[in-house]
Amino acid sequence: MTGPTSEPTSGPDLDAYVRSTYSAAHQAIIGVLRDLMAETAPGIREVVYNGSLAWRGDRIVAIISPSKTHLTFAFARGAEFTDGYGLLAGVGRTTRHVKLKNPDAVPQDALRDYIRQAVGLDGR
């Protein structure tokens, strides 16, 4: 997941981007994800990558992709993760994702684990 990117810095610019780009239903889930990323991966920065909210260390670590019914929270090197929670989906060579439909049902413990693994793989 490297290539062209457009990166609002952070803070108000990114907040405005999220409000203008994602539905209200998705914004609630994104709020949970942003909090988890800030808590679990404070050295990773939020960016916009190919039109989607993403998180970058040395490379893209995670990215959100919206659909009408859910958000996909994808990890660039998720295929290398140990999936003790059994929630990761995908069959590609590198990425794995979790589909999220309800902000109250976000599997926070599992995502913290996946985020830590993603950060640990960043830059290697």
N, C-alpha and C. Protein backbone atom coordinates (compact mmCIF):
# COMPACT_ATOMS: atom_id res chain seq x y z
N MET A 1 0.82 -1.18 0.00
CA MET A 1 0.00 0.00 0.00
C MET A 1 0.87 1.25 0.00
N THR A 2 1.65 1.39 -0.98
CA THR A 2 2.41 2.61 -1.14
C THR A 2 1.99 3.23 -2.44
N GLY A 3 2.38 4.46 -2.68
CA GLY A 3 1.99 5.11 -3.92
C GLY A 3 1.50 6.52 -3.63
N PRO A 4 0.77 7.11 -4.59
CA PRO A 4 0.34 8.49 -4.44
C PRO A 4 -0.56 8.67 -3.23
N THR A 5 -0.43 9.80 -2.62
CA THR A 5 -1.23 10.07 -1.44
C THR A 5 -1.49 11.56 -1.32
N SER A 6 -2.58 11.90 -0.75
CA SER A 6 -2.91 13.27 -0.41
C SER A 6 -3.06 13.29 1.10
N GLU A 7 -2.31 14.13 1.79
CA GLU A 7 -2.29 14.04 3.24
C GLU A 7 -2.64 15.35 3.92
N PRO A 8 -3.91 15.56 4.31
CA PRO A 8 -4.15 16.66 5.24
C PRO A 8 -3.33 16.37 6.49
N THR A 9 -2.86 17.37 7.12
CA THR A 9 -1.98 17.18 8.27
C THR A 9 -2.64 16.35 9.35
N SER A 10 -3.43 16.96 10.17
CA SER A 10 -4.19 16.26 11.21
C SER A 10 -5.10 17.29 11.84
N GLY A 11 -5.65 16.95 12.99
CA GLY A 11 -6.48 17.90 13.72
C GLY A 11 -7.69 18.36 12.93
N PRO A 12 -7.96 19.67 12.93
CA PRO A 12 -9.18 20.19 12.31
C PRO A 12 -9.32 19.83 10.83
N ASP A 13 -8.22 19.85 10.09
CA ASP A 13 -8.29 19.49 8.67
C ASP A 13 -8.80 18.07 8.49
N LEU A 14 -8.26 17.15 9.26
CA LEU A 14 -8.68 15.75 9.15
C LEU A 14 -10.07 15.55 9.72
N ASP A 15 -10.40 16.25 10.78
CA ASP A 15 -11.75 16.18 11.33
C ASP A 15 -12.77 16.62 10.29
N ALA A 16 -12.49 17.72 9.60
CA ALA A 16 -13.40 18.22 8.56
C ALA A 16 -13.49 17.23 7.42
N TYR A 17 -12.37 16.62 7.07
CA TYR A 17 -12.37 15.62 5.99
C TYR A 17 -13.29 14.45 6.35
N VAL A 18 -13.17 13.95 7.56
CA VAL A 18 -14.01 12.83 8.00
C VAL A 18 -15.48 13.23 7.96
N ARG A 19 -15.81 14.41 8.46
CA ARG A 19 -17.20 14.86 8.46
C ARG A 19 -17.76 15.00 7.05
N SER A 20 -16.93 15.46 6.12
CA SER A 20 -17.42 15.70 4.76
C SER A 20 -17.39 14.46 3.87
N THR A 21 -16.67 13.43 4.27
CA THR A 21 -16.47 12.27 3.41
C THR A 21 -17.31 11.06 3.81
N TYR A 22 -17.50 10.87 5.09
CA TYR A 22 -18.15 9.65 5.59
C TYR A 22 -19.54 9.95 6.13
N SER A 23 -20.44 8.96 6.00
CA SER A 23 -21.80 9.10 6.51
C SER A 23 -21.77 9.22 8.04
N ALA A 24 -22.86 9.72 8.59
CA ALA A 24 -22.96 9.85 10.04
C ALA A 24 -22.80 8.50 10.73
N ALA A 25 -23.40 7.46 10.15
CA ALA A 25 -23.28 6.12 10.73
C ALA A 25 -21.83 5.66 10.74
N HIS A 26 -21.10 5.93 9.68
CA HIS A 26 -19.70 5.54 9.61
C HIS A 26 -18.82 6.39 10.53
N GLN A 27 -19.19 7.66 10.70
CA GLN A 27 -18.39 8.54 11.55
C GLN A 27 -18.31 8.04 12.98
N ALA A 28 -19.38 7.43 13.47
CA ALA A 28 -19.36 6.90 14.84
C ALA A 28 -18.33 5.77 14.96
N ILE A 29 -18.29 4.90 13.98
CA ILE A 29 -17.29 3.82 13.98
C ILE A 29 -15.90 4.40 13.82
N ILE A 30 -15.75 5.36 12.93
CA ILE A 30 -14.45 5.99 12.72
C ILE A 30 -13.95 6.64 14.01
N GLY A 31 -14.85 7.24 14.78
CA GLY A 31 -14.46 7.83 16.06
C GLY A 31 -13.86 6.79 16.99
N VAL A 32 -14.45 5.61 17.04
CA VAL A 32 -13.91 4.52 17.86
C VAL A 32 -12.54 4.12 17.34
N LEU A 33 -12.40 3.98 16.02
CA LEU A 33 -11.12 3.58 15.44
C LEU A 33 -10.04 4.62 15.67
N ARG A 34 -10.39 5.89 15.52
CA ARG A 34 -9.41 6.95 15.75
C ARG A 34 -8.93 6.94 17.20
N ASP A 35 -9.86 6.72 18.13
CA ASP A 35 -9.48 6.64 19.54
C ASP A 35 -8.56 5.44 19.80
N LEU A 36 -8.91 4.29 19.22
CA LEU A 36 -8.07 3.10 19.39
C LEU A 36 -6.67 3.31 18.82
N MET A 37 -6.60 3.92 17.65
CA MET A 37 -5.29 4.17 17.04
C MET A 37 -4.48 5.15 17.89
N ALA A 38 -5.11 6.21 18.36
CA ALA A 38 -4.39 7.20 19.18
C ALA A 38 -3.88 6.57 20.47
N GLU A 39 -4.68 5.70 21.06
CA GLU A 39 -4.31 5.04 22.31
C GLU A 39 -3.23 3.99 22.10
N THR A 40 -3.37 3.18 21.06
CA THR A 40 -2.52 2.00 20.87
C THR A 40 -1.29 2.29 20.03
N ALA A 41 -1.36 3.28 19.15
CA ALA A 41 -0.26 3.57 18.24
C ALA A 41 -0.01 5.08 18.16
N PRO A 42 0.41 5.68 19.28
CA PRO A 42 0.54 7.14 19.29
C PRO A 42 1.57 7.69 18.31
N GLY A 43 2.53 6.91 17.87
CA GLY A 43 3.54 7.39 16.92
C GLY A 43 3.11 7.31 15.46
N ILE A 44 1.95 6.74 15.23
CA ILE A 44 1.42 6.59 13.87
C ILE A 44 0.53 7.79 13.58
N ARG A 45 0.66 8.37 12.39
CA ARG A 45 -0.14 9.57 12.10
C ARG A 45 -1.29 9.27 11.15
N GLU A 46 -2.36 10.01 11.35
CA GLU A 46 -3.52 9.91 10.47
C GLU A 46 -3.23 10.67 9.18
N VAL A 47 -3.64 10.10 8.07
CA VAL A 47 -3.48 10.72 6.76
C VAL A 47 -4.69 10.37 5.90
N VAL A 48 -4.77 11.01 4.76
CA VAL A 48 -5.71 10.58 3.73
C VAL A 48 -4.87 9.93 2.65
N TYR A 49 -5.20 8.70 2.33
CA TYR A 49 -4.45 7.93 1.34
C TYR A 49 -5.43 7.45 0.28
N ASN A 50 -5.22 7.87 -0.94
CA ASN A 50 -6.11 7.49 -2.05
C ASN A 50 -7.58 7.72 -1.70
N GLY A 51 -7.87 8.82 -1.05
CA GLY A 51 -9.24 9.19 -0.74
C GLY A 51 -9.84 8.57 0.50
N SER A 52 -9.07 7.81 1.26
CA SER A 52 -9.58 7.17 2.47
C SER A 52 -8.73 7.55 3.68
N LEU A 53 -9.38 7.57 4.83
CA LEU A 53 -8.65 7.80 6.08
C LEU A 53 -7.74 6.61 6.32
N ALA A 54 -6.49 6.90 6.65
CA ALA A 54 -5.50 5.85 6.86
C ALA A 54 -4.55 6.28 7.97
N TRP A 55 -3.70 5.34 8.37
CA TRP A 55 -2.68 5.62 9.37
C TRP A 55 -1.35 5.19 8.81
N ARG A 56 -0.34 6.06 8.99
CA ARG A 56 0.97 5.84 8.40
C ARG A 56 2.06 5.96 9.45
N GLY A 57 2.97 5.00 9.40
CA GLY A 57 4.22 5.09 10.12
C GLY A 57 5.26 5.33 9.05
N ASP A 58 6.18 4.37 8.86
CA ASP A 58 7.08 4.44 7.71
C ASP A 58 6.30 4.20 6.42
N ARG A 59 5.25 3.38 6.52
CA ARG A 59 4.36 3.07 5.41
C ARG A 59 2.93 3.09 5.92
N ILE A 60 1.98 2.87 5.02
CA ILE A 60 0.58 2.76 5.44
C ILE A 60 0.46 1.52 6.32
N VAL A 61 -0.13 1.70 7.49
CA VAL A 61 -0.31 0.62 8.47
C VAL A 61 -1.74 0.08 8.39
N ALA A 62 -2.71 1.01 8.32
CA ALA A 62 -4.13 0.62 8.29
C ALA A 62 -4.90 1.66 7.49
N ILE A 63 -6.03 1.23 6.94
CA ILE A 63 -6.85 2.11 6.11
C ILE A 63 -8.32 1.73 6.27
N ILE A 64 -9.17 2.72 6.13
CA ILE A 64 -10.61 2.50 6.20
C ILE A 64 -11.18 2.58 4.79
N SER A 65 -12.04 1.63 4.47
CA SER A 65 -12.78 1.65 3.21
C SER A 65 -14.27 1.55 3.52
N PRO A 66 -15.05 2.53 3.06
CA PRO A 66 -16.48 2.49 3.35
C PRO A 66 -17.26 1.71 2.30
N SER A 67 -18.36 1.14 2.72
CA SER A 67 -19.36 0.59 1.81
C SER A 67 -20.71 1.07 2.32
N LYS A 68 -21.79 0.72 1.66
CA LYS A 68 -23.10 1.18 2.11
C LYS A 68 -23.48 0.58 3.46
N THR A 69 -23.03 -0.64 3.74
CA THR A 69 -23.50 -1.34 4.94
C THR A 69 -22.47 -1.43 6.07
N HIS A 70 -21.20 -1.13 5.79
CA HIS A 70 -20.18 -1.29 6.81
C HIS A 70 -18.92 -0.51 6.44
N LEU A 71 -17.97 -0.49 7.37
CA LEU A 71 -16.62 0.00 7.10
C LEU A 71 -15.69 -1.19 7.13
N THR A 72 -14.72 -1.17 6.27
CA THR A 72 -13.66 -2.17 6.31
C THR A 72 -12.42 -1.50 6.88
N PHE A 73 -11.90 -2.07 7.95
CA PHE A 73 -10.67 -1.59 8.57
C PHE A 73 -9.59 -2.58 8.18
N ALA A 74 -8.72 -2.16 7.25
CA ALA A 74 -7.75 -3.08 6.66
C ALA A 74 -6.34 -2.78 7.17
N PHE A 75 -5.59 -3.85 7.33
CA PHE A 75 -4.20 -3.76 7.77
C PHE A 75 -3.29 -4.17 6.62
N ALA A 76 -2.37 -3.28 6.26
CA ALA A 76 -1.53 -3.47 5.09
C ALA A 76 -0.73 -4.77 5.14
N ARG A 77 -0.30 -5.18 6.32
CA ARG A 77 0.50 -6.41 6.43
C ARG A 77 -0.21 -7.44 7.30
N GLY A 78 -1.53 -7.40 7.27
CA GLY A 78 -2.34 -8.27 8.10
C GLY A 78 -2.14 -9.75 7.87
N ALA A 79 -1.70 -10.13 6.68
CA ALA A 79 -1.45 -11.55 6.40
C ALA A 79 -0.32 -12.09 7.27
N GLU A 80 0.49 -11.21 7.83
CA GLU A 80 1.60 -11.63 8.69
C GLU A 80 1.21 -11.69 10.17
N PHE A 81 -0.01 -11.28 10.50
CA PHE A 81 -0.46 -11.25 11.89
C PHE A 81 -0.72 -12.66 12.42
N THR A 82 -0.61 -12.78 13.72
CA THR A 82 -1.16 -13.92 14.45
C THR A 82 -2.58 -13.51 14.81
N ASP A 83 -3.56 -14.27 14.35
CA ASP A 83 -4.96 -13.89 14.54
C ASP A 83 -5.60 -14.73 15.64
N GLY A 84 -5.27 -14.40 16.88
CA GLY A 84 -5.83 -15.11 18.01
C GLY A 84 -7.32 -14.90 18.22
N TYR A 85 -7.88 -13.91 17.55
CA TYR A 85 -9.31 -13.61 17.68
C TYR A 85 -10.14 -14.18 16.53
N GLY A 86 -9.49 -14.59 15.46
CA GLY A 86 -10.20 -15.18 14.33
C GLY A 86 -11.11 -14.22 13.58
N LEU A 87 -10.79 -12.93 13.62
CA LEU A 87 -11.66 -11.94 12.99
C LEU A 87 -11.16 -11.43 11.65
N LEU A 88 -9.91 -11.67 11.34
CA LEU A 88 -9.35 -11.13 10.10
C LEU A 88 -9.87 -11.90 8.89
N ALA A 89 -10.27 -11.15 7.88
CA ALA A 89 -10.75 -11.74 6.63
C ALA A 89 -9.85 -11.28 5.50
N GLY A 90 -9.94 -11.98 4.39
CA GLY A 90 -9.16 -11.64 3.21
C GLY A 90 -8.27 -12.79 2.79
N VAL A 91 -7.99 -12.81 1.51
CA VAL A 91 -7.19 -13.91 0.97
C VAL A 91 -5.99 -13.42 0.18
N GLY A 92 -5.79 -12.12 0.12
CA GLY A 92 -4.65 -11.57 -0.62
C GLY A 92 -3.33 -11.93 0.04
N ARG A 93 -2.26 -11.61 -0.65
CA ARG A 93 -0.93 -11.95 -0.15
C ARG A 93 -0.51 -11.08 1.04
N THR A 94 -1.08 -9.87 1.17
CA THR A 94 -0.58 -8.98 2.21
C THR A 94 -1.64 -8.47 3.17
N THR A 95 -2.77 -8.01 2.69
CA THR A 95 -3.72 -7.34 3.57
C THR A 95 -4.73 -8.30 4.19
N ARG A 96 -5.25 -7.89 5.34
CA ARG A 96 -6.36 -8.55 6.00
C ARG A 96 -7.23 -7.43 6.57
N HIS A 97 -8.50 -7.72 6.77
CA HIS A 97 -9.41 -6.68 7.23
C HIS A 97 -10.47 -7.22 8.19
N VAL A 98 -11.12 -6.28 8.85
CA VAL A 98 -12.25 -6.56 9.73
C VAL A 98 -13.38 -5.65 9.25
N LYS A 99 -14.58 -6.23 9.08
CA LYS A 99 -15.75 -5.44 8.70
C LYS A 99 -16.46 -4.98 9.96
N LEU A 100 -16.79 -3.69 9.99
CA LEU A 100 -17.42 -3.09 11.17
C LEU A 100 -18.73 -2.43 10.77
N LYS A 101 -19.80 -2.79 11.48
CA LYS A 101 -21.13 -2.27 11.15
C LYS A 101 -21.75 -1.41 12.24
N ASN A 102 -21.29 -1.56 13.46
CA ASN A 102 -21.95 -0.91 14.59
C ASN A 102 -20.88 -0.40 15.56
N PRO A 103 -20.91 0.89 15.91
CA PRO A 103 -19.87 1.42 16.80
C PRO A 103 -19.88 0.76 18.18
N ASP A 104 -21.03 0.24 18.60
CA ASP A 104 -21.11 -0.41 19.90
C ASP A 104 -20.59 -1.84 19.88
N ALA A 105 -20.36 -2.37 18.69
CA ALA A 105 -19.91 -3.76 18.56
C ALA A 105 -18.49 -3.86 18.01
N VAL A 106 -17.73 -2.78 18.05
CA VAL A 106 -16.34 -2.81 17.57
C VAL A 106 -15.54 -3.69 18.53
N PRO A 107 -14.86 -4.71 18.02
CA PRO A 107 -14.09 -5.62 18.88
C PRO A 107 -12.77 -4.96 19.31
N GLN A 108 -12.87 -4.12 20.32
CA GLN A 108 -11.73 -3.27 20.69
C GLN A 108 -10.50 -4.04 21.13
N ASP A 109 -10.65 -5.09 21.91
CA ASP A 109 -9.47 -5.86 22.33
C ASP A 109 -8.76 -6.47 21.13
N ALA A 110 -9.52 -7.04 20.22
CA ALA A 110 -8.93 -7.64 19.02
C ALA A 110 -8.23 -6.56 18.18
N LEU A 111 -8.88 -5.43 18.00
CA LEU A 111 -8.27 -4.38 17.19
C LEU A 111 -7.01 -3.82 17.84
N ARG A 112 -7.00 -3.70 19.16
CA ARG A 112 -5.76 -3.27 19.84
C ARG A 112 -4.62 -4.24 19.52
N ASP A 113 -4.92 -5.54 19.57
CA ASP A 113 -3.91 -6.54 19.26
C ASP A 113 -3.43 -6.39 17.81
N TYR A 114 -4.36 -6.26 16.87
CA TYR A 114 -3.99 -6.12 15.46
C TYR A 114 -3.20 -4.83 15.22
N ILE A 115 -3.61 -3.75 15.88
CA ILE A 115 -2.89 -2.48 15.72
C ILE A 115 -1.46 -2.61 16.24
N ARG A 116 -1.30 -3.24 17.40
CA ARG A 116 0.07 -3.44 17.94
C ARG A 116 0.92 -4.25 16.97
N GLN A 117 0.33 -5.28 16.38
CA GLN A 117 1.09 -6.10 15.42
C GLN A 117 1.44 -5.27 14.18
N ALA A 118 0.50 -4.46 13.71
CA ALA A 118 0.75 -3.62 12.53
C ALA A 118 1.90 -2.65 12.79
N VAL A 119 1.89 -2.02 13.96
CA VAL A 119 2.94 -1.09 14.31
C VAL A 119 4.28 -1.82 14.43
N GLY A 120 4.27 -3.03 15.01
CA GLY A 120 5.49 -3.80 15.13
C GLY A 120 6.10 -4.19 13.79
N LEU A 121 5.27 -4.36 12.77
CA LEU A 121 5.76 -4.72 11.44
C LEU A 121 6.16 -3.50 10.60
N ASP A 122 5.69 -2.32 10.99
CA ASP A 122 5.98 -1.12 10.21
C ASP A 122 7.47 -0.86 10.16
N GLY A 123 7.95 -0.61 8.99
CA GLY A 123 9.37 -0.28 8.81
C GLY A 123 10.28 -1.48 8.67
N ARG A 124 9.75 -2.69 8.86
CA ARG A 124 10.58 -3.88 8.70
C ARG A 124 10.60 -4.32 7.26
